[in-house]
Amino acid sequence: MTLTEIIDSFKTKLNPSKFIDSLEKKASFYDESENNSGGDNSGENLKNNPYHNSEEDFAKSSNAIRISKNKDDPLIKLTNVWKIYQMGEVEFAALKGINLEIYEGEFLIVLGPSGSGKSTLMNLLGCLDIPSKGTVRLNSKDISELDESELAIIRGQMIGFIFQSFNLLPTLNTEENVLLPMEFQEEDRQISRKKAAYLLDIVGLSEKKQNLPSQLSGGQRQRVAIARSLAVNPPIILADEPTGNLDTKTGDYILDFLDGLHEREGKTIIIVTHDLDLVKYATRVVYIRDGEIEKIETRTKTEQSTKNEPSTKNEPNLN
C-alpha cells in the first residue's frame, strides 16, 4: 500500500475536515544558529527553517507555543479520573481517582512499576482513550465530549507521540514516515517535504531518508520517530518508555535531545517510564502505583541535563 492509499484510508475513517479553530496555532522551532556558532548542519539559518516564515514569526514563537490564551491554565487537567475495565463478571480499576495538572513548558516524568497504571494514564493524556469517570481536559476541552474525528485532530495538532516500539510503518521509508502526520493535516506537499528534510537533518538522518525501517538500527528508528513527532510542531511531546529498546549510549542521546527541545524550544515533555534514572531530566515527577498517584515531586533539573541542546554535534556513533 502506498503512502497516498494509507492516507486516503485513514481520512475516510477520521473525517479530518472538521477543524477546531482554537487548535490551528502552531509553535515555531528554535534556531540554534543564534546561540551556536558550531559548524554542524542542525544549526540552520532562520531563512532555511521551513517552520519560520519571517524573523517576526520567530520573535513571536514563545507565544505561538501556547494554544490557550491564559498561561495560568493547565495545558492538561485530570479531575477524579477513573479507568475501569470489565473483565468477564469482574471490574478492574486501572486508574482510581487521579487528579493531575500539567502546565506548559514542564518536563514531567510519570514513574511507576509494571502494572501501576502508567500506560493507561498515558493513553488518557494523549487522547487515545477516554475515562470511565471523571474529566480529562486538553487545552480546556473535555475530551469525553469530542467525537473520534475531533480527537484525531487534537492528537494530530497538539501532541507528538514517541513509542518504545517506534511504531514506524514498515512499508514507508524514513521520509514518508515523517511526512505522515503532515499528510493528515493536509499540508502542502512541497512545504511538507521541506519540513521533513529539515527534521531529518536535525536528527542526523538526512542520508537515510529513502531507507525502510528494517534498514535502520534501533537508535535510527527512534530518531525517525522523534522527527515524526515534531512534524506538525506540536506543543506537547508524549513519550512512552522512549529508551526501553535502546542501549545506554543511544538512550542517553535520545533523552538529551528531548531535554534540548524542552530547554530551548519550550516544548512540554511528558515521559512515561519505570526507569528511575530518567528523573534527573524532570521538573516534576509523578509517582504512580496500583492505579493511584502516590506523590508528586517538584525538582530542580541537574546541571548535566540542563546543558543539553537539540543538536546532533555530540551524537554518539549510532549507525
C-alpha atoms as a PDB file:
ATOM      1  CA  MET A   1       0.000   0.000   0.000  1.00  0.00           C
ATOM      2  CA  THR A   2       1.392   3.414  -0.977  1.00  0.00           C
ATOM      3  CA  LEU A   3       1.546   6.477   1.269  1.00  0.00           C
ATOM      4  CA  THR A   4      -1.357   8.072  -0.610  1.00  0.00           C
ATOM      5  CA  GLU A   5      -3.513   4.965  -0.216  1.00  0.00           C
ATOM      6  CA  ILE A   6      -2.755   4.792   3.509  1.00  0.00           C
ATOM      7  CA  ILE A   7      -3.688   8.448   3.971  1.00  0.00           C
ATOM      8  CA  ASP A   8      -6.918   8.095   1.992  1.00  0.00           C
ATOM      9  CA  SER A   9      -7.890   5.059   4.053  1.00  0.00           C
ATOM     10  CA  PHE A  10      -7.397   6.895   7.344  1.00  0.00           C
ATOM     11  CA  LYS A  11      -9.087  10.051   6.099  1.00  0.00           C
ATOM     12  CA  THR A  12     -12.211   8.094   5.191  1.00  0.00           C
ATOM     13  CA  LYS A  13     -12.414   6.839   8.791  1.00  0.00           C
ATOM     14  CA  LEU A  14     -11.434  10.012  10.631  1.00  0.00           C
ATOM     15  CA  ASN A  15     -13.143  12.737   8.554  1.00  0.00           C
ATOM     16  CA  PRO A  16     -10.448  15.347   9.220  1.00  0.00           C
ATOM     17  CA  SER A  17     -12.436  18.114   7.536  1.00  0.00           C
ATOM     18  CA  LYS A  18     -13.816  19.059  10.983  1.00  0.00           C
ATOM     19  CA  PHE A  19     -11.147  21.502  12.090  1.00  0.00           C
ATOM     20  CA  ILE A  20     -11.164  23.041  15.563  1.00  0.00           C
ATOM     21  CA  ASP A  21     -10.291  26.716  15.129  1.00  0.00           C
ATOM     22  CA  SER A  22      -8.708  27.144  18.541  1.00  0.00           C
ATOM     23  CA  LEU A  23      -6.149  24.442  17.739  1.00  0.00           C
ATOM     24  CA  GLU A  24      -4.825  25.853  14.487  1.00  0.00           C
ATOM     25  CA  LYS A  25      -1.967  27.875  16.028  1.00  0.00           C
ATOM     26  CA  LYS A  26       1.358  26.084  15.906  1.00  0.00           C
ATOM     27  CA  ALA A  27       4.695  26.551  17.585  1.00  0.00           C
ATOM     28  CA  SER A  28       7.941  27.653  15.923  1.00  0.00           C
ATOM     29  CA  PHE A  29      11.243  25.865  16.082  1.00  0.00           C
ATOM     30  CA  TYR A  30      14.179  27.403  17.889  1.00  0.00           C
ATOM     31  CA  ASP A  31      17.004  28.354  15.537  1.00  0.00           C
ATOM     32  CA  GLU A  32      20.230  27.060  17.048  1.00  0.00           C
ATOM     33  CA  SER A  33      22.438  29.228  14.846  1.00  0.00           C
ATOM     34  CA  GLU A  34      21.694  32.271  17.017  1.00  0.00           C
ATOM     35  CA  ASN A  35      23.431  30.797  20.056  1.00  0.00           C
ATOM     36  CA  ASN A  36      25.546  28.100  18.458  1.00  0.00           C
ATOM     37  CA  SER A  37      28.364  29.067  16.180  1.00  0.00           C
ATOM     38  CA  GLY A  38      29.430  25.452  15.736  1.00  0.00           C
ATOM     39  CA  GLY A  39      29.630  24.041  12.269  1.00  0.00           C
ATOM     40  CA  ASP A  40      27.063  21.242  12.465  1.00  0.00           C
ATOM     41  CA  ASN A  41      24.214  21.174   9.996  1.00  0.00           C
ATOM     42  CA  SER A  42      21.491  21.177  12.657  1.00  0.00           C
ATOM     43  CA  GLY A  43      22.004  24.902  13.354  1.00  0.00           C
ATOM     44  CA  GLU A  44      20.325  26.067  10.178  1.00  0.00           C
ATOM     45  CA  ASN A  45      19.887  29.725   9.322  1.00  0.00           C
ATOM     46  CA  LEU A  46      16.439  31.063  10.146  1.00  0.00           C
ATOM     47  CA  LYS A  47      15.658  31.647   6.492  1.00  0.00           C
ATOM     48  CA  ASN A  48      16.206  27.954   5.736  1.00  0.00           C
ATOM     49  CA  ASN A  49      13.889  26.781   8.507  1.00  0.00           C
ATOM     50  CA  PRO A  50      10.526  25.922   6.915  1.00  0.00           C
ATOM     51  CA  TYR A  51       8.829  26.344  10.301  1.00  0.00           C
ATOM     52  CA  HIS A  52       9.576  30.087  10.187  1.00  0.00           C
ATOM     53  CA  ASN A  53       8.004  32.482   7.716  1.00  0.00           C
ATOM     54  CA  SER A  54       9.925  35.511   8.945  1.00  0.00           C
ATOM     55  CA  GLU A  55      12.077  36.835  11.747  1.00  0.00           C
ATOM     56  CA  GLU A  56       8.944  38.431  13.184  1.00  0.00           C
ATOM     57  CA  ASP A  57       7.333  34.980  13.386  1.00  0.00           C
ATOM     58  CA  PHE A  58      10.392  33.717  15.221  1.00  0.00           C
ATOM     59  CA  ALA A  59      10.194  36.567  17.714  1.00  0.00           C
ATOM     60  CA  LYS A  60       6.626  35.511  18.466  1.00  0.00           C
ATOM     61  CA  SER A  61       7.475  31.835  18.813  1.00  0.00           C
ATOM     62  CA  SER A  62       7.219  31.796  22.617  1.00  0.00           C
ATOM     63  CA  ASN A  63       3.627  32.964  22.317  1.00  0.00           C
ATOM     64  CA  ALA A  64       2.832  30.643  19.437  1.00  0.00           C
ATOM     65  CA  ILE A  65       3.657  27.577  21.532  1.00  0.00           C
ATOM     66  CA  ARG A  66       0.805  28.361  23.876  1.00  0.00           C
ATOM     67  CA  ILE A  67      -2.615  27.445  22.487  1.00  0.00           C
ATOM     68  CA  SER A  68      -4.727  28.730  25.381  1.00  0.00           C
ATOM     69  CA  LYS A  69      -4.826  32.478  25.986  1.00  0.00           C
ATOM     70  CA  ASN A  70      -4.402  32.105  29.760  1.00  0.00           C
ATOM     71  CA  LYS A  71      -0.939  30.822  30.602  1.00  0.00           C
ATOM     72  CA  ASP A  72      -2.032  30.103  34.175  1.00  0.00           C
ATOM     73  CA  ASP A  73      -4.489  27.473  32.977  1.00  0.00           C
ATOM     74  CA  PRO A  74      -3.161  23.904  32.880  1.00  0.00           C
ATOM     75  CA  LEU A  75      -2.482  22.522  29.433  1.00  0.00           C
ATOM     76  CA  ILE A  76      -3.819  19.152  30.594  1.00  0.00           C
ATOM     77  CA  LYS A  77      -6.070  18.678  33.627  1.00  0.00           C
ATOM     78  CA  LEU A  78      -7.325  15.386  35.064  1.00  0.00           C
ATOM     79  CA  THR A  79     -10.066  15.584  37.711  1.00  0.00           C
ATOM     80  CA  ASN A  80     -11.091  12.481  39.697  1.00  0.00           C
ATOM     81  CA  VAL A  81     -10.251  10.258  36.743  1.00  0.00           C
ATOM     82  CA  TRP A  82     -11.082   6.559  36.849  1.00  0.00           C
ATOM     83  CA  LYS A  83     -10.481   3.965  34.168  1.00  0.00           C
ATOM     84  CA  ILE A  84     -12.392   0.757  34.720  1.00  0.00           C
ATOM     85  CA  TYR A  85     -12.183  -2.349  32.554  1.00  0.00           C
ATOM     86  CA  GLN A  86     -14.785  -5.090  32.518  1.00  0.00           C
ATOM     87  CA  MET A  87     -13.087  -8.485  32.715  1.00  0.00           C
ATOM     88  CA  GLY A  88     -15.868 -11.025  32.459  1.00  0.00           C
ATOM     89  CA  GLU A  89     -18.001 -10.501  35.540  1.00  0.00           C
ATOM     90  CA  VAL A  90     -15.248  -8.633  37.343  1.00  0.00           C
ATOM     91  CA  GLU A  91     -14.416  -4.925  37.130  1.00  0.00           C
ATOM     92  CA  PHE A  92     -10.777  -3.876  37.260  1.00  0.00           C
ATOM     93  CA  ALA A  93      -9.873  -0.266  38.064  1.00  0.00           C
ATOM     94  CA  ALA A  94      -6.620   0.583  36.277  1.00  0.00           C
ATOM     95  CA  LEU A  95      -6.808   4.192  37.497  1.00  0.00           C
ATOM     96  CA  LYS A  96      -8.502   5.352  40.700  1.00  0.00           C
ATOM     97  CA  GLY A  97      -9.399   8.985  41.298  1.00  0.00           C
ATOM     98  CA  ILE A  98      -6.453  10.608  39.519  1.00  0.00           C
ATOM     99  CA  ASN A  99      -6.077  14.366  39.946  1.00  0.00           C
ATOM    100  CA  LEU A 100      -3.258  15.958  37.962  1.00  0.00           C
ATOM    101  CA  GLU A 101      -2.497  19.288  36.302  1.00  0.00           C
ATOM    102  CA  ILE A 102       0.225  19.657  33.669  1.00  0.00           C
ATOM    103  CA  TYR A 103       1.357  23.113  32.621  1.00  0.00           C
ATOM    104  CA  GLU A 104       3.018  24.442  29.511  1.00  0.00           C
ATOM    105  CA  GLY A 105       6.796  24.051  29.450  1.00  0.00           C
ATOM    106  CA  GLU A 106       7.047  21.261  32.030  1.00  0.00           C
ATOM    107  CA  PHE A 107       9.293  18.228  31.730  1.00  0.00           C
ATOM    108  CA  LEU A 108       7.094  15.707  33.509  1.00  0.00           C
ATOM    109  CA  ILE A 109       8.078  12.130  34.311  1.00  0.00           C
ATOM    110  CA  VAL A 110       5.322   9.643  35.166  1.00  0.00           C
ATOM    111  CA  LEU A 111       7.186   6.950  37.087  1.00  0.00           C
ATOM    112  CA  GLY A 112       5.823   3.587  38.118  1.00  0.00           C
ATOM    113  CA  PRO A 113       6.427  -0.169  38.000  1.00  0.00           C
ATOM    114  CA  SER A 114       4.772  -2.577  35.595  1.00  0.00           C
ATOM    115  CA  GLY A 115       1.038  -2.772  36.276  1.00  0.00           C
ATOM    116  CA  SER A 116       0.929   0.582  38.059  1.00  0.00           C
ATOM    117  CA  GLY A 117      -1.472   2.164  35.570  1.00  0.00           C
ATOM    118  CA  LYS A 118       1.075   4.462  33.930  1.00  0.00           C
ATOM    119  CA  SER A 119       0.348   3.212  30.385  1.00  0.00           C
ATOM    120  CA  THR A 120      -3.383   3.698  30.938  1.00  0.00           C
ATOM    121  CA  LEU A 121      -2.635   7.206  32.169  1.00  0.00           C
ATOM    122  CA  MET A 122      -0.520   7.866  29.076  1.00  0.00           C
ATOM    123  CA  ASN A 123      -3.411   6.842  26.827  1.00  0.00           C
ATOM    124  CA  LEU A 124      -5.653   9.374  28.556  1.00  0.00           C
ATOM    125  CA  LEU A 125      -3.052  12.155  28.441  1.00  0.00           C
ATOM    126  CA  GLY A 126      -2.613  11.500  24.726  1.00  0.00           C
ATOM    127  CA  CYS A 127      -6.352  11.428  23.973  1.00  0.00           C
ATOM    128  CA  LEU A 128      -6.022   7.824  22.850  1.00  0.00           C
ATOM    129  CA  ASP A 129      -8.740   6.820  25.318  1.00  0.00           C
ATOM    130  CA  ILE A 130     -11.404   8.469  27.458  1.00  0.00           C
ATOM    131  CA  PRO A 131     -12.005   8.000  31.198  1.00  0.00           C
ATOM    132  CA  SER A 132     -14.723   5.802  32.679  1.00  0.00           C
ATOM    133  CA  LYS A 133     -15.403   8.519  35.266  1.00  0.00           C
ATOM    134  CA  GLY A 134     -14.047  11.996  35.827  1.00  0.00           C
ATOM    135  CA  THR A 135     -12.779  14.506  33.267  1.00  0.00           C
ATOM    136  CA  VAL A 136      -9.668  14.921  31.160  1.00  0.00           C
ATOM    137  CA  ARG A 137      -9.264  18.411  29.706  1.00  0.00           C
ATOM    138  CA  LEU A 138      -6.752  19.213  26.997  1.00  0.00           C
ATOM    139  CA  ASN A 139      -6.440  22.918  26.370  1.00  0.00           C
ATOM    140  CA  SER A 140      -9.654  23.378  28.419  1.00  0.00           C
ATOM    141  CA  LYS A 141     -11.625  20.934  26.224  1.00  0.00           C
ATOM    142  CA  ASP A 142     -13.240  17.889  27.835  1.00  0.00           C
ATOM    143  CA  ILE A 143     -12.079  15.040  25.604  1.00  0.00           C
ATOM    144  CA  SER A 144     -15.102  12.904  26.553  1.00  0.00           C
ATOM    145  CA  GLU A 145     -17.342  15.388  24.744  1.00  0.00           C
ATOM    146  CA  LEU A 146     -15.451  15.099  21.446  1.00  0.00           C
ATOM    147  CA  ASP A 147     -16.091  12.554  18.725  1.00  0.00           C
ATOM    148  CA  GLU A 148     -13.297  10.401  17.280  1.00  0.00           C
ATOM    149  CA  SER A 149     -12.576  12.704  14.343  1.00  0.00           C
ATOM    150  CA  GLU A 150     -12.225  15.702  16.687  1.00  0.00           C
ATOM    151  CA  LEU A 151      -9.950  13.696  18.993  1.00  0.00           C
ATOM    152  CA  ALA A 152      -7.840  12.713  15.991  1.00  0.00           C
ATOM    153  CA  ILE A 153      -7.446  16.356  15.032  1.00  0.00           C
ATOM    154  CA  ILE A 154      -6.419  17.305  18.574  1.00  0.00           C
ATOM    155  CA  ARG A 155      -3.879  14.491  18.670  1.00  0.00           C
ATOM    156  CA  GLY A 156      -2.559  15.477  15.272  1.00  0.00           C
ATOM    157  CA  GLN A 157      -2.122  19.158  16.052  1.00  0.00           C
ATOM    158  CA  MET A 158      -1.202  19.244  19.723  1.00  0.00           C
ATOM    159  CA  ILE A 159       0.607  16.016  20.622  1.00  0.00           C
ATOM    160  CA  GLY A 160       3.683  14.356  19.166  1.00  0.00           C
ATOM    161  CA  PHE A 161       3.969  10.681  20.162  1.00  0.00           C
ATOM    162  CA  ILE A 162       7.163   8.681  20.686  1.00  0.00           C
ATOM    163  CA  PHE A 163       6.677   4.986  21.413  1.00  0.00           C
ATOM    164  CA  GLN A 164       9.001   2.362  22.833  1.00  0.00           C
ATOM    165  CA  SER A 165       8.430   0.142  19.793  1.00  0.00           C
ATOM    166  CA  PHE A 166       8.893   3.130  17.402  1.00  0.00           C
ATOM    167  CA  ASN A 167       5.587   2.406  15.548  1.00  0.00           C
ATOM    168  CA  LEU A 168       7.003   3.231  12.125  1.00  0.00           C
ATOM    169  CA  LEU A 169       5.053   1.934   9.143  1.00  0.00           C
ATOM    170  CA  PRO A 170       7.286  -0.793   7.690  1.00  0.00           C
ATOM    171  CA  THR A 171       6.293  -0.189   4.059  1.00  0.00           C
ATOM    172  CA  LEU A 172       7.139   3.527   4.184  1.00  0.00           C
ATOM    173  CA  ASN A 173      10.668   4.891   4.012  1.00  0.00           C
ATOM    174  CA  THR A 174      12.146   7.338   6.521  1.00  0.00           C
ATOM    175  CA  GLU A 175      10.936  10.455   4.729  1.00  0.00           C
ATOM    176  CA  GLU A 176       7.429   9.075   4.214  1.00  0.00           C
ATOM    177  CA  ASN A 177       7.082   8.157   7.888  1.00  0.00           C
ATOM    178  CA  VAL A 178       7.971  11.738   8.847  1.00  0.00           C
ATOM    179  CA  LEU A 179       5.564  13.114   6.226  1.00  0.00           C
ATOM    180  CA  LEU A 180       2.643  11.082   7.546  1.00  0.00           C
ATOM    181  CA  PRO A 181       1.398  13.496  10.280  1.00  0.00           C
ATOM    182  CA  MET A 182       1.559  16.412   7.842  1.00  0.00           C
ATOM    183  CA  GLU A 183      -0.479  14.461   5.301  1.00  0.00           C
ATOM    184  CA  PHE A 184      -3.197  14.020   7.914  1.00  0.00           C
ATOM    185  CA  GLN A 185      -3.205  17.789   8.446  1.00  0.00           C
ATOM    186  CA  GLU A 186      -3.456  18.260   4.664  1.00  0.00           C
ATOM    187  CA  GLU A 187      -0.386  20.474   4.453  1.00  0.00           C
ATOM    188  CA  ASP A 188       1.005  21.493   1.085  1.00  0.00           C
ATOM    189  CA  ARG A 189       3.114  18.612  -0.226  1.00  0.00           C
ATOM    190  CA  GLN A 190       6.086  20.764  -1.229  1.00  0.00           C
ATOM    191  CA  ILE A 191       6.209  22.522   2.137  1.00  0.00           C
ATOM    192  CA  SER A 192       5.825  19.196   3.920  1.00  0.00           C
ATOM    193  CA  ARG A 193       8.863  17.781   2.103  1.00  0.00           C
ATOM    194  CA  LYS A 194      10.938  20.792   3.129  1.00  0.00           C
ATOM    195  CA  LYS A 195       9.873  20.302   6.746  1.00  0.00           C
ATOM    196  CA  ALA A 196      10.668  16.581   6.609  1.00  0.00           C
ATOM    197  CA  ALA A 197      14.124  17.319   5.193  1.00  0.00           C
ATOM    198  CA  TYR A 198      14.722  19.896   7.927  1.00  0.00           C
ATOM    199  CA  LEU A 199      13.701  17.496  10.695  1.00  0.00           C
ATOM    200  CA  LEU A 200      15.768  14.623   9.335  1.00  0.00           C
ATOM    201  CA  ASP A 201      18.752  16.965   9.233  1.00  0.00           C
ATOM    202  CA  ILE A 202      18.153  17.906  12.892  1.00  0.00           C
ATOM    203  CA  VAL A 203      18.184  14.255  13.981  1.00  0.00           C
ATOM    204  CA  GLY A 204      21.140  13.422  11.740  1.00  0.00           C
ATOM    205  CA  LEU A 205      19.368  11.179   9.228  1.00  0.00           C
ATOM    206  CA  SER A 206      19.466  13.188   6.021  1.00  0.00           C
ATOM    207  CA  GLU A 207      21.327  10.376   4.282  1.00  0.00           C
ATOM    208  CA  LYS A 208      18.764   7.760   5.349  1.00  0.00           C
ATOM    209  CA  LYS A 209      15.553   9.297   4.025  1.00  0.00           C
ATOM    210  CA  GLN A 210      14.998   6.541   1.446  1.00  0.00           C
ATOM    211  CA  ASN A 211      15.684   3.699   3.877  1.00  0.00           C
ATOM    212  CA  LEU A 212      12.892   1.473   5.151  1.00  0.00           C
ATOM    213  CA  PRO A 213      12.644   0.933   8.943  1.00  0.00           C
ATOM    214  CA  SER A 214      14.064  -2.577   8.504  1.00  0.00           C
ATOM    215  CA  GLN A 215      17.237  -0.991   7.111  1.00  0.00           C
ATOM    216  CA  LEU A 216      17.785   1.201  10.201  1.00  0.00           C
ATOM    217  CA  SER A 217      19.258   0.498  13.624  1.00  0.00           C
ATOM    218  CA  GLY A 218      17.137   0.829  16.762  1.00  0.00           C
ATOM    219  CA  GLY A 219      18.615   4.229  17.529  1.00  0.00           C
ATOM    220  CA  GLN A 220      17.986   5.457  13.992  1.00  0.00           C
ATOM    221  CA  ARG A 221      14.377   4.267  14.098  1.00  0.00           C
ATOM    222  CA  GLN A 222      13.803   6.121  17.347  1.00  0.00           C
ATOM    223  CA  ARG A 223      15.261   9.277  15.798  1.00  0.00           C
ATOM    224  CA  VAL A 224      12.835   8.886  12.886  1.00  0.00           C
ATOM    225  CA  ALA A 225      10.050   8.592  15.478  1.00  0.00           C
ATOM    226  CA  ILE A 226      11.249  11.819  17.115  1.00  0.00           C
ATOM    227  CA  ALA A 227      11.327  13.619  13.768  1.00  0.00           C
ATOM    228  CA  ARG A 228       7.814  12.361  13.052  1.00  0.00           C
ATOM    229  CA  SER A 229       6.610  13.557  16.472  1.00  0.00           C
ATOM    230  CA  LEU A 230       7.837  17.079  15.619  1.00  0.00           C
ATOM    231  CA  ALA A 231       6.389  17.167  12.098  1.00  0.00           C
ATOM    232  CA  VAL A 232       3.451  19.472  12.842  1.00  0.00           C
ATOM    233  CA  ASN A 233       5.408  21.259  15.592  1.00  0.00           C
ATOM    234  CA  PRO A 234       3.081  20.294  18.460  1.00  0.00           C
ATOM    235  CA  PRO A 235       3.367  21.969  21.863  1.00  0.00           C
ATOM    236  CA  ILE A 236       3.345  18.583  23.655  1.00  0.00           C
ATOM    237  CA  ILE A 237       5.692  15.603  23.210  1.00  0.00           C
ATOM    238  CA  LEU A 238       4.405  12.420  24.873  1.00  0.00           C
ATOM    239  CA  ALA A 239       6.897   9.549  25.097  1.00  0.00           C
ATOM    240  CA  ASP A 240       6.212   6.002  26.290  1.00  0.00           C
ATOM    241  CA  GLU A 241       9.446   4.346  27.501  1.00  0.00           C
ATOM    242  CA  PRO A 242      11.384   6.097  24.681  1.00  0.00           C
ATOM    243  CA  THR A 243      14.667   4.394  25.612  1.00  0.00           C
ATOM    244  CA  GLY A 244      13.265   0.991  26.521  1.00  0.00           C
ATOM    245  CA  ASN A 245      14.554  -0.765  23.392  1.00  0.00           C
ATOM    246  CA  LEU A 246      17.855   1.115  23.165  1.00  0.00           C
ATOM    247  CA  ASP A 247      21.347   0.649  24.570  1.00  0.00           C
ATOM    248  CA  THR A 248      22.528   3.078  27.244  1.00  0.00           C
ATOM    249  CA  LYS A 249      24.560   5.375  24.961  1.00  0.00           C
ATOM    250  CA  THR A 250      21.792   5.680  22.385  1.00  0.00           C
ATOM    251  CA  GLY A 251      19.188   6.144  25.112  1.00  0.00           C
ATOM    252  CA  ASP A 252      21.177   8.979  26.673  1.00  0.00           C
ATOM    253  CA  TYR A 253      21.417  10.698  23.306  1.00  0.00           C
ATOM    254  CA  ILE A 254      17.648  10.464  22.783  1.00  0.00           C
ATOM    255  CA  LEU A 255      16.954  11.884  26.249  1.00  0.00           C
ATOM    256  CA  ASP A 256      19.474  14.691  25.757  1.00  0.00           C
ATOM    257  CA  PHE A 257      17.718  15.581  22.530  1.00  0.00           C
ATOM    258  CA  LEU A 258      14.298  15.681  24.226  1.00  0.00           C
ATOM    259  CA  ASP A 259      15.771  17.749  27.042  1.00  0.00           C
ATOM    260  CA  GLY A 260      17.075  20.199  24.470  1.00  0.00           C
ATOM    261  CA  LEU A 261      13.593  20.547  22.966  1.00  0.00           C
ATOM    262  CA  HIS A 262      12.318  21.399  26.432  1.00  0.00           C
ATOM    263  CA  GLU A 263      15.086  23.831  27.348  1.00  0.00           C
ATOM    264  CA  ARG A 264      15.476  25.659  24.056  1.00  0.00           C
ATOM    265  CA  GLU A 265      12.029  25.479  22.433  1.00  0.00           C
ATOM    266  CA  GLY A 266       9.699  25.375  25.408  1.00  0.00           C
ATOM    267  CA  LYS A 267       8.129  22.059  24.475  1.00  0.00           C
ATOM    268  CA  THR A 268       6.055  20.350  27.145  1.00  0.00           C
ATOM    269  CA  ILE A 269       7.666  16.930  27.518  1.00  0.00           C
ATOM    270  CA  ILE A 270       5.828  14.043  29.207  1.00  0.00           C
ATOM    271  CA  ILE A 271       7.658  10.728  29.602  1.00  0.00           C
ATOM    272  CA  VAL A 272       6.026   7.594  30.989  1.00  0.00           C
ATOM    273  CA  THR A 273       8.622   5.176  32.335  1.00  0.00           C
ATOM    274  CA  HIS A 274       9.697   2.716  35.018  1.00  0.00           C
ATOM    275  CA  ASP A 275      13.328   3.904  34.797  1.00  0.00           C
ATOM    276  CA  LEU A 276      14.370   5.911  37.855  1.00  0.00           C
ATOM    277  CA  ASP A 277      17.448   7.265  36.019  1.00  0.00           C
ATOM    278  CA  LEU A 278      15.224   9.482  33.869  1.00  0.00           C
ATOM    279  CA  VAL A 279      14.167  11.530  36.893  1.00  0.00           C
ATOM    280  CA  LYS A 280      17.253  13.758  36.524  1.00  0.00           C
ATOM    281  CA  TYR A 281      15.667  15.376  33.452  1.00  0.00           C
ATOM    282  CA  ALA A 282      12.355  16.220  35.132  1.00  0.00           C
ATOM    283  CA  THR A 283      10.932  19.420  36.545  1.00  0.00           C
ATOM    284  CA  ARG A 284       8.230  17.293  38.196  1.00  0.00           C
ATOM    285  CA  VAL A 285       7.845  13.581  38.852  1.00  0.00           C
ATOM    286  CA  VAL A 286       4.508  11.838  39.296  1.00  0.00           C
ATOM    287  CA  TYR A 287       4.883   8.569  41.206  1.00  0.00           C
ATOM    288  CA  ILE A 288       2.087   6.117  40.408  1.00  0.00           C
ATOM    289  CA  ARG A 289       1.356   2.701  41.891  1.00  0.00           C
ATOM    290  CA  ASP A 290      -1.716   0.444  41.816  1.00  0.00           C
ATOM    291  CA  GLY A 291      -3.635   3.000  39.757  1.00  0.00           C
ATOM    292  CA  GLU A 292      -3.167   5.853  42.227  1.00  0.00           C
ATOM    293  CA  ILE A 293      -0.762   8.774  42.486  1.00  0.00           C
ATOM    294  CA  GLU A 294       1.484   8.183  45.496  1.00  0.00           C
ATOM    295  CA  LYS A 295       3.147  11.581  45.393  1.00  0.00           C
ATOM    296  CA  ILE A 296       4.172  14.418  43.085  1.00  0.00           C
ATOM    297  CA  GLU A 297       7.703  15.724  43.437  1.00  0.00           C
ATOM    298  CA  THR A 298       8.934  19.078  42.138  1.00  0.00           C
ATOM    299  CA  ARG A 299      12.606  19.002  41.180  1.00  0.00           C
ATOM    300  CA  THR A 300      15.460  21.208  40.064  1.00  0.00           C
ATOM    301  CA  LYS A 301      16.987  19.693  36.961  1.00  0.00           C
ATOM    302  CA  THR A 302      20.565  18.520  37.280  1.00  0.00           C
ATOM    303  CA  GLU A 303      23.358  20.588  35.798  1.00  0.00           C
ATOM    304  CA  GLN A 304      24.139  17.767  33.391  1.00  0.00           C
ATOM    305  CA  SER A 305      20.713  17.690  31.812  1.00  0.00           C
ATOM    306  CA  THR A 306      20.194  21.465  31.588  1.00  0.00           C
ATOM    307  CA  LYS A 307      23.228  21.897  29.366  1.00  0.00           C
ATOM    308  CA  ASN A 308      21.778  19.790  26.578  1.00  0.00           C
ATOM    309  CA  GLU A 309      20.612  21.214  23.263  1.00  0.00           C
ATOM    310  CA  PRO A 310      18.610  19.716  20.368  1.00  0.00           C
ATOM    311  CA  SER A 311      21.732  19.148  18.296  1.00  0.00           C
ATOM    312  CA  THR A 312      23.493  16.197  16.725  1.00  0.00           C
ATOM    313  CA  LYS A 313      27.001  17.631  17.054  1.00  0.00           C
ATOM    314  CA  ASN A 314      27.817  15.434  20.075  1.00  0.00           C
ATOM    315  CA  GLU A 315      25.920  12.471  18.759  1.00  0.00           C
ATOM    316  CA  PRO A 316      27.400   9.042  19.506  1.00  0.00           C
ATOM    317  CA  ASN A 317      28.051   6.641  16.677  1.00  0.00           C
ATOM    318  CA  LEU A 318      24.556   5.218  16.263  1.00  0.00           C
ATOM    319  CA  ASN A 319      24.881   3.840  12.752  1.00  0.00           C
END
